[in-house]
Amino acid sequence: MWHEKIQEGFDVFLHDGGHAFGAVRQVHQNEIVVYIENGGDFTIPMSAVKEVESEKVVLDSAKLDPKLREAIRRAHSGEDPRIP
């Protein structure tokens, strides 16, 4: 059912109020393809989607592959920490 609410371009988060680490590229019935900054495209099962609201997709980190969690952790590593 989430696939009906998610659209390409929605920002992707691990928790509401956090920093976006990527954006939805494609939406399929059972999965989404997300571009993660500094990491590339990842396929994420709909079962890992926790919430969709206000053009945001929130994922359940416990349901994510370790390689994907590492890419999320590095998503903002190239940014200047002095810039909010």
PDB file of N, CA and C in Angstrom:
ATOM      1  N   MET A   1       0.804  -1.193   0.000  1.00  0.00           N
ATOM      2  CA  MET A   1       0.000   0.000   0.000  1.00  0.00           C
ATOM      3  C   MET A   1       0.857   1.271   0.000  1.00  0.00           C
ATOM      4  N   TRP A   2       2.082   1.176   0.571  1.00  0.00           N
ATOM      5  CA  TRP A   2       2.938   2.372   0.577  1.00  0.00           C
ATOM      6  C   TRP A   2       3.240   2.846  -0.840  1.00  0.00           C
ATOM      7  N   HIS A   3       3.343   1.914  -1.782  1.00  0.00           N
ATOM      8  CA  HIS A   3       3.718   2.310  -3.138  1.00  0.00           C
ATOM      9  C   HIS A   3       2.727   3.296  -3.742  1.00  0.00           C
ATOM     10  N   GLU A   4       1.504   3.327  -3.247  1.00  0.00           N
ATOM     11  CA  GLU A   4       0.506   4.263  -3.758  1.00  0.00           C
ATOM     12  C   GLU A   4       0.721   5.682  -3.222  1.00  0.00           C
ATOM     13  N   LYS A   5       1.413   5.811  -2.098  1.00  0.00           N
ATOM     14  CA  LYS A   5       1.634   7.122  -1.483  1.00  0.00           C
ATOM     15  C   LYS A   5       2.988   7.728  -1.847  1.00  0.00           C
ATOM     16  N   ILE A   6       3.952   6.887  -2.175  1.00  0.00           N
ATOM     17  CA  ILE A   6       5.313   7.351  -2.452  1.00  0.00           C
ATOM     18  C   ILE A   6       5.432   7.799  -3.901  1.00  0.00           C
ATOM     19  N   GLN A   7       6.144   8.912  -4.094  1.00  0.00           N
ATOM     20  CA  GLN A   7       6.388   9.414  -5.445  1.00  0.00           C
ATOM     21  C   GLN A   7       7.863   9.681  -5.637  1.00  0.00           C
ATOM     22  N   GLU A   8       8.288   9.636  -6.895  1.00  0.00           N
ATOM     23  CA  GLU A   8       9.669   9.972  -7.221  1.00  0.00           C
ATOM     24  C   GLU A   8       9.975  11.379  -6.725  1.00  0.00           C
ATOM     25  N   GLY A   9      11.169  11.543  -6.162  1.00  0.00           N
ATOM     26  CA  GLY A   9      11.595  12.841  -5.666  1.00  0.00           C
ATOM     27  C   GLY A   9      11.371  13.037  -4.177  1.00  0.00           C
ATOM     28  N   PHE A  10      10.574  12.180  -3.535  1.00  0.00           N
ATOM     29  CA  PHE A  10      10.374  12.299  -2.085  1.00  0.00           C
ATOM     30  C   PHE A  10      11.721  12.122  -1.386  1.00  0.00           C
ATOM     31  N   ASP A  11      11.955  12.897  -0.323  1.00  0.00           N
ATOM     32  CA  ASP A  11      13.150  12.743   0.493  1.00  0.00           C
ATOM     33  C   ASP A  11      13.010  11.516   1.373  1.00  0.00           C
ATOM     34  N   VAL A  12      14.164  10.916   1.729  1.00  0.00           N
ATOM     35  CA  VAL A  12      14.170   9.688   2.527  1.00  0.00           C
ATOM     36  C   VAL A  12      14.959   9.925   3.818  1.00  0.00           C
ATOM     37  N   PHE A  13      14.385   9.446   4.929  1.00  0.00           N
ATOM     38  CA  PHE A  13      14.933   9.671   6.265  1.00  0.00           C
ATOM     39  C   PHE A  13      14.959   8.357   7.050  1.00  0.00           C
ATOM     40  N   LEU A  14      15.748   8.334   8.138  1.00  0.00           N
ATOM     41  CA  LEU A  14      15.685   7.218   9.078  1.00  0.00           C
ATOM     42  C   LEU A  14      14.723   7.519  10.212  1.00  0.00           C
ATOM     43  N   HIS A  15      14.513   8.789  10.500  1.00  0.00           N
ATOM     44  CA  HIS A  15      13.504   9.166  11.487  1.00  0.00           C
ATOM     45  C   HIS A  15      13.016  10.568  11.162  1.00  0.00           C
ATOM     46  N   ASP A  16      11.767  10.815  11.499  1.00  0.00           N
ATOM     47  CA  ASP A  16      11.159  12.114  11.215  1.00  0.00           C
ATOM     48  C   ASP A  16      11.900  13.180  11.999  1.00  0.00           C
ATOM     49  N   GLY A  17      12.225  14.263  11.345  1.00  0.00           N
ATOM     50  CA  GLY A  17      12.954  15.348  11.991  1.00  0.00           C
ATOM     51  C   GLY A  17      14.451  15.243  11.797  1.00  0.00           C
ATOM     52  N   GLY A  18      14.923  14.131  11.238  1.00  0.00           N
ATOM     53  CA  GLY A  18      16.349  13.962  10.977  1.00  0.00           C
ATOM     54  C   GLY A  18      16.730  14.588   9.651  1.00  0.00           C
ATOM     55  N   HIS A  19      17.957  14.347   9.227  1.00  0.00           N
ATOM     56  CA  HIS A  19      18.428  14.845   7.940  1.00  0.00           C
ATOM     57  C   HIS A  19      18.095  13.831   6.842  1.00  0.00           C
ATOM     58  N   ALA A  20      17.648  14.341   5.709  1.00  0.00           N
ATOM     59  CA  ALA A  20      17.412  13.465   4.560  1.00  0.00           C
ATOM     60  C   ALA A  20      18.759  12.943   4.081  1.00  0.00           C
ATOM     61  N   PHE A  21      18.820  11.663   3.731  1.00  0.00           N
ATOM     62  CA  PHE A  21      20.066  11.096   3.233  1.00  0.00           C
ATOM     63  C   PHE A  21      19.955  10.712   1.773  1.00  0.00           C
ATOM     64  N   GLY A  22      18.755  10.840   1.196  1.00  0.00           N
ATOM     65  CA  GLY A  22      18.576  10.461  -0.196  1.00  0.00           C
ATOM     66  C   GLY A  22      17.212  10.843  -0.716  1.00  0.00           C
ATOM     67  N   ALA A  23      16.936  10.384  -1.936  1.00  0.00           N
ATOM     68  CA  ALA A  23      15.662  10.695  -2.589  1.00  0.00           C
ATOM     69  C   ALA A  23      15.187   9.484  -3.390  1.00  0.00           C
ATOM     70  N   VAL A  24      13.886   9.344  -3.466  1.00  0.00           N
ATOM     71  CA  VAL A  24      13.272   8.248  -4.213  1.00  0.00           C
ATOM     72  C   VAL A  24      13.476   8.474  -5.712  1.00  0.00           C
ATOM     73  N   ARG A  25      13.983   7.452  -6.394  1.00  0.00           N
ATOM     74  CA  ARG A  25      14.166   7.513  -7.851  1.00  0.00           C
ATOM     75  C   ARG A  25      13.072   6.770  -8.581  1.00  0.00           C
ATOM     76  N   GLN A  26      12.685   5.597  -8.038  1.00  0.00           N
ATOM     77  CA  GLN A  26      11.663   4.771  -8.678  1.00  0.00           C
ATOM     78  C   GLN A  26      10.786   4.150  -7.603  1.00  0.00           C
ATOM     79  N   VAL A  27       9.537   3.929  -7.969  1.00  0.00           N
ATOM     80  CA  VAL A  27       8.588   3.294  -7.061  1.00  0.00           C
ATOM     81  C   VAL A  27       7.997   2.077  -7.760  1.00  0.00           C
ATOM     82  N   HIS A  28       8.088   0.931  -7.090  1.00  0.00           N
ATOM     83  CA  HIS A  28       7.506  -0.310  -7.589  1.00  0.00           C
ATOM     84  C   HIS A  28       6.564  -0.834  -6.503  1.00  0.00           C
ATOM     85  N   GLN A  29       5.795  -1.814  -6.820  1.00  0.00           N
ATOM     86  CA  GLN A  29       4.820  -2.326  -5.861  1.00  0.00           C
ATOM     87  C   GLN A  29       5.475  -2.860  -4.588  1.00  0.00           C
ATOM     88  N   ASN A  30       6.595  -3.561  -4.712  1.00  0.00           N
ATOM     89  CA  ASN A  30       7.223  -4.197  -3.558  1.00  0.00           C
ATOM     90  C   ASN A  30       8.530  -3.572  -3.110  1.00  0.00           C
ATOM     91  N   GLU A  31       8.976  -2.520  -3.798  1.00  0.00           N
ATOM     92  CA  GLU A  31      10.253  -1.896  -3.453  1.00  0.00           C
ATOM     93  C   GLU A  31      10.346  -0.487  -4.028  1.00  0.00           C
ATOM     94  N   ILE A  32      11.303   0.256  -3.471  1.00  0.00           N
ATOM     95  CA  ILE A  32      11.621   1.574  -4.016  1.00  0.00           C
ATOM     96  C   ILE A  32      13.118   1.612  -4.304  1.00  0.00           C
ATOM     97  N   VAL A  33      13.502   2.421  -5.262  1.00  0.00           N
ATOM     98  CA  VAL A  33      14.906   2.656  -5.549  1.00  0.00           C
ATOM     99  C   VAL A  33      15.209   4.054  -5.035  1.00  0.00           C
ATOM    100  N   VAL A  34      16.224   4.136  -4.179  1.00  0.00           N
ATOM    101  CA  VAL A  34      16.585   5.394  -3.531  1.00  0.00           C
ATOM    102  C   VAL A  34      18.020   5.738  -3.890  1.00  0.00           C
ATOM    103  N   TYR A  35      18.233   6.996  -4.289  1.00  0.00           N
ATOM    104  CA  TYR A  35      19.600   7.487  -4.491  1.00  0.00           C
ATOM    105  C   TYR A  35      20.081   8.014  -3.156  1.00  0.00           C
ATOM    106  N   ILE A  36      21.211   7.497  -2.688  1.00  0.00           N
ATOM    107  CA  ILE A  36      21.795   7.945  -1.436  1.00  0.00           C
ATOM    108  C   ILE A  36      23.026   8.772  -1.753  1.00  0.00           C
ATOM    109  N   GLU A  37      23.082   9.972  -1.193  1.00  0.00           N
ATOM    110  CA  GLU A  37      24.201  10.868  -1.429  1.00  0.00           C
ATOM    111  C   GLU A  37      25.514  10.157  -1.102  1.00  0.00           C
ATOM    112  N   ASN A  38      26.502  10.293  -1.962  1.00  0.00           N
ATOM    113  CA  ASN A  38      27.820   9.665  -1.818  1.00  0.00           C
ATOM    114  C   ASN A  38      27.760   8.136  -1.846  1.00  0.00           C
ATOM    115  N   GLY A  39      26.634   7.544  -2.283  1.00  0.00           N
ATOM    116  CA  GLY A  39      26.528   6.085  -2.244  1.00  0.00           C
ATOM    117  C   GLY A  39      25.914   5.448  -3.476  1.00  0.00           C
ATOM    118  N   GLY A  40      25.089   6.186  -4.211  1.00  0.00           N
ATOM    119  CA  GLY A  40      24.458   5.629  -5.396  1.00  0.00           C
ATOM    120  C   GLY A  40      23.035   5.132  -5.141  1.00  0.00           C
ATOM    121  N   ASP A  41      22.546   4.301  -6.058  1.00  0.00           N
ATOM    122  CA  ASP A  41      21.179   3.780  -5.986  1.00  0.00           C
ATOM    123  C   ASP A  41      21.116   2.493  -5.175  1.00  0.00           C
ATOM    124  N   PHE A  42      20.078   2.388  -4.340  1.00  0.00           N
ATOM    125  CA  PHE A  42      19.834   1.188  -3.537  1.00  0.00           C
ATOM    126  C   PHE A  42      18.366   0.807  -3.668  1.00  0.00           C
ATOM    127  N   THR A  43      18.112  -0.492  -3.739  1.00  0.00           N
ATOM    128  CA  THR A  43      16.753  -1.006  -3.771  1.00  0.00           C
ATOM    129  C   THR A  43      16.351  -1.355  -2.343  1.00  0.00           C
ATOM    130  N   ILE A  44      15.209  -0.823  -1.914  1.00  0.00           N
ATOM    131  CA  ILE A  44      14.738  -1.003  -0.545  1.00  0.00           C
ATOM    132  C   ILE A  44      13.351  -1.625  -0.587  1.00  0.00           C
ATOM    133  N   PRO A  45      13.146  -2.713   0.150  1.00  0.00           N
ATOM    134  CA  PRO A  45      11.819  -3.345   0.148  1.00  0.00           C
ATOM    135  C   PRO A  45      10.781  -2.465   0.844  1.00  0.00           C
ATOM    136  N   MET A  46       9.547  -2.536   0.390  1.00  0.00           N
ATOM    137  CA  MET A  46       8.468  -1.763   1.018  1.00  0.00           C
ATOM    138  C   MET A  46       8.298  -2.129   2.492  1.00  0.00           C
ATOM    139  N   SER A  47       8.697  -3.344   2.866  1.00  0.00           N
ATOM    140  CA  SER A  47       8.579  -3.761   4.270  1.00  0.00           C
ATOM    141  C   SER A  47       9.460  -2.920   5.192  1.00  0.00           C
ATOM    142  N   ALA A  48      10.448  -2.210   4.638  1.00  0.00           N
ATOM    143  CA  ALA A  48      11.319  -1.347   5.444  1.00  0.00           C
ATOM    144  C   ALA A  48      10.777   0.074   5.580  1.00  0.00           C
ATOM    145  N   VAL A  49       9.695   0.384   4.866  1.00  0.00           N
ATOM    146  CA  VAL A  49       9.086   1.715   4.959  1.00  0.00           C
ATOM    147  C   VAL A  49       8.226   1.776   6.212  1.00  0.00           C
ATOM    148  N   LYS A  50       8.520   2.755   7.050  1.00  0.00           N
ATOM    149  CA  LYS A  50       7.813   2.895   8.317  1.00  0.00           C
ATOM    150  C   LYS A  50       6.689   3.922   8.227  1.00  0.00           C
ATOM    151  N   GLU A  51       6.918   4.981   7.435  1.00  0.00           N
ATOM    152  CA  GLU A  51       5.947   6.065   7.362  1.00  0.00           C
ATOM    153  C   GLU A  51       6.145   6.852   6.071  1.00  0.00           C
ATOM    154  N   VAL A  52       5.054   7.393   5.544  1.00  0.00           N
ATOM    155  CA  VAL A  52       5.101   8.280   4.379  1.00  0.00           C
ATOM    156  C   VAL A  52       4.171   9.442   4.669  1.00  0.00           C
ATOM    157  N   GLU A  53       4.751  10.658   4.691  1.00  0.00           N
ATOM    158  CA  GLU A  53       3.938  11.831   4.980  1.00  0.00           C
ATOM    159  C   GLU A  53       4.681  13.085   4.537  1.00  0.00           C
ATOM    160  N   SER A  54       3.949  14.049   4.030  1.00  0.00           N
ATOM    161  CA  SER A  54       4.511  15.349   3.641  1.00  0.00           C
ATOM    162  C   SER A  54       5.732  15.214   2.733  1.00  0.00           C
ATOM    163  N   GLU A  55       5.632  14.347   1.725  1.00  0.00           N
ATOM    164  CA  GLU A  55       6.694  14.117   0.750  1.00  0.00           C
ATOM    165  C   GLU A  55       7.973  13.592   1.392  1.00  0.00           C
ATOM    166  N   LYS A  56       7.819  12.854   2.501  1.00  0.00           N
ATOM    167  CA  LYS A  56       8.937  12.226   3.203  1.00  0.00           C
ATOM    168  C   LYS A  56       8.665  10.734   3.335  1.00  0.00           C
ATOM    169  N   VAL A  57       9.715   9.955   3.150  1.00  0.00           N
ATOM    170  CA  VAL A  57       9.646   8.522   3.383  1.00  0.00           C
ATOM    171  C   VAL A  57      10.568   8.238   4.571  1.00  0.00           C
ATOM    172  N   VAL A  58      10.015   7.617   5.613  1.00  0.00           N
ATOM    173  CA  VAL A  58      10.792   7.266   6.797  1.00  0.00           C
ATOM    174  C   VAL A  58      10.976   5.751   6.800  1.00  0.00           C
ATOM    175  N   LEU A  59      12.241   5.323   6.938  1.00  0.00           N
ATOM    176  CA  LEU A  59      12.556   3.900   6.911  1.00  0.00           C
ATOM    177  C   LEU A  59      12.800   3.360   8.314  1.00  0.00           C
ATOM    178  N   ASP A  60      12.615   2.059   8.467  1.00  0.00           N
ATOM    179  CA  ASP A  60      12.901   1.347   9.706  1.00  0.00           C
ATOM    180  C   ASP A  60      14.324   0.805   9.583  1.00  0.00           C
ATOM    181  N   SER A  61      15.265   1.388  10.297  1.00  0.00           N
ATOM    182  CA  SER A  61      16.672   1.006  10.143  1.00  0.00           C
ATOM    183  C   SER A  61      16.924  -0.455  10.491  1.00  0.00           C
ATOM    184  N   ALA A  62      16.123  -1.045  11.361  1.00  0.00           N
ATOM    185  CA  ALA A  62      16.288  -2.451  11.741  1.00  0.00           C
ATOM    186  C   ALA A  62      16.012  -3.393  10.568  1.00  0.00           C
ATOM    187  N   LYS A  63      15.312  -2.920   9.560  1.00  0.00           N
ATOM    188  CA  LYS A  63      14.959  -3.756   8.413  1.00  0.00           C
ATOM    189  C   LYS A  63      15.842  -3.497   7.191  1.00  0.00           C
ATOM    190  N   LEU A  64      16.920  -2.741   7.388  1.00  0.00           N
ATOM    191  CA  LEU A  64      17.795  -2.400   6.270  1.00  0.00           C
ATOM    192  C   LEU A  64      19.045  -3.272   6.267  1.00  0.00           C
ATOM    193  N   ASP A  65      19.525  -3.552   5.086  1.00  0.00           N
ATOM    194  CA  ASP A  65      20.752  -4.301   4.879  1.00  0.00           C
ATOM    195  C   ASP A  65      21.935  -3.529   5.480  1.00  0.00           C
ATOM    196  N   PRO A  66      22.920  -4.214   6.070  1.00  0.00           N
ATOM    197  CA  PRO A  66      24.079  -3.521   6.651  1.00  0.00           C
ATOM    198  C   PRO A  66      24.823  -2.622   5.650  1.00  0.00           C
ATOM    199  N   LYS A  67      24.925  -3.063   4.402  1.00  0.00           N
ATOM    200  CA  LYS A  67      25.596  -2.250   3.373  1.00  0.00           C
ATOM    201  C   LYS A  67      24.831  -0.938   3.156  1.00  0.00           C
ATOM    202  N   LEU A  68      23.522  -1.006   3.174  1.00  0.00           N
ATOM    203  CA  LEU A  68      22.687   0.181   3.013  1.00  0.00           C
ATOM    204  C   LEU A  68      22.839   1.103   4.225  1.00  0.00           C
ATOM    205  N   ARG A  69      22.851   0.542   5.424  1.00  0.00           N
ATOM    206  CA  ARG A  69      23.032   1.362   6.636  1.00  0.00           C
ATOM    207  C   ARG A  69      24.368   2.091   6.618  1.00  0.00           C
ATOM    208  N   GLU A  70      25.406   1.431   6.110  1.00  0.00           N
ATOM    209  CA  GLU A  70      26.725   2.063   6.006  1.00  0.00           C
ATOM    210  C   GLU A  70      26.681   3.218   5.003  1.00  0.00           C
ATOM    211  N   ALA A  71      26.006   3.030   3.876  1.00  0.00           N
ATOM    212  CA  ALA A  71      25.880   4.103   2.881  1.00  0.00           C
ATOM    213  C   ALA A  71      25.125   5.291   3.466  1.00  0.00           C
ATOM    214  N   ILE A  72      24.112   5.018   4.266  1.00  0.00           N
ATOM    215  CA  ILE A  72      23.353   6.098   4.916  1.00  0.00           C
ATOM    216  C   ILE A  72      24.255   6.856   5.882  1.00  0.00           C
ATOM    217  N   ARG A  73      25.056   6.116   6.633  1.00  0.00           N
ATOM    218  CA  ARG A  73      25.955   6.735   7.602  1.00  0.00           C
ATOM    219  C   ARG A  73      26.949   7.672   6.910  1.00  0.00           C
ATOM    220  N   ARG A  74      27.390   7.305   5.708  1.00  0.00           N
ATOM    221  CA  ARG A  74      28.361   8.114   4.963  1.00  0.00           C
ATOM    222  C   ARG A  74      27.718   9.183   4.087  1.00  0.00           C
ATOM    223  N   ALA A  75      26.415   9.244   4.025  1.00  0.00           N
ATOM    224  CA  ALA A  75      25.723  10.127   3.077  1.00  0.00           C
ATOM    225  C   ALA A  75      26.161  11.579   3.168  1.00  0.00           C
ATOM    226  N   HIS A  76      26.406  12.063   4.349  1.00  0.00           N
ATOM    227  CA  HIS A  76      26.774  13.473   4.509  1.00  0.00           C
ATOM    228  C   HIS A  76      28.240  13.652   4.895  1.00  0.00           C
ATOM    229  N   SER A  77      29.042  12.624   4.702  1.00  0.00           N
ATOM    230  CA  SER A  77      30.439  12.670   5.153  1.00  0.00           C
ATOM    231  C   SER A  77      31.278  13.715   4.418  1.00  0.00           C
ATOM    232  N   GLY A  78      30.907  14.078   3.216  1.00  0.00           N
ATOM    233  CA  GLY A  78      31.674  15.056   2.457  1.00  0.00           C
ATOM    234  C   GLY A  78      31.290  16.499   2.734  1.00  0.00           C
ATOM    235  N   GLU A  79      30.320  16.706   3.601  1.00  0.00           N
ATOM    236  CA  GLU A  79      29.862  18.065   3.881  1.00  0.00           C
ATOM    237  C   GLU A  79      30.720  18.734   4.944  1.00  0.00           C
ATOM    238  N   ASP A  80      30.769  20.031   4.907  1.00  0.00           N
ATOM    239  CA  ASP A  80      31.493  20.812   5.898  1.00  0.00           C
ATOM    240  C   ASP A  80      30.659  20.825   7.185  1.00  0.00           C
ATOM    241  N   PRO A  81      31.181  20.291   8.293  1.00  0.00           N
ATOM    242  CA  PRO A  81      30.405  20.230   9.538  1.00  0.00           C
ATOM    243  C   PRO A  81      30.092  21.605  10.142  1.00  0.00           C
ATOM    244  N   ARG A  82      30.760  22.640   9.667  1.00  0.00           N
ATOM    245  CA  ARG A  82      30.510  23.985  10.187  1.00  0.00           C
ATOM    246  C   ARG A  82      29.274  24.625   9.560  1.00  0.00           C
ATOM    247  N   ILE A  83      28.761  24.017   8.484  1.00  0.00           N
ATOM    248  CA  ILE A  83      27.572  24.542   7.820  1.00  0.00           C
ATOM    249  C   ILE A  83      26.361  23.790   8.349  1.00  0.00           C
ATOM    250  N   PRO A  84      25.415  24.498   8.952  1.00  0.00           N
ATOM    251  CA  PRO A  84      24.227  23.814   9.519  1.00  0.00           C
ATOM    252  C   PRO A  84      23.302  23.258   8.468  1.00  0.00           C
TER     253      PRO A  84
END
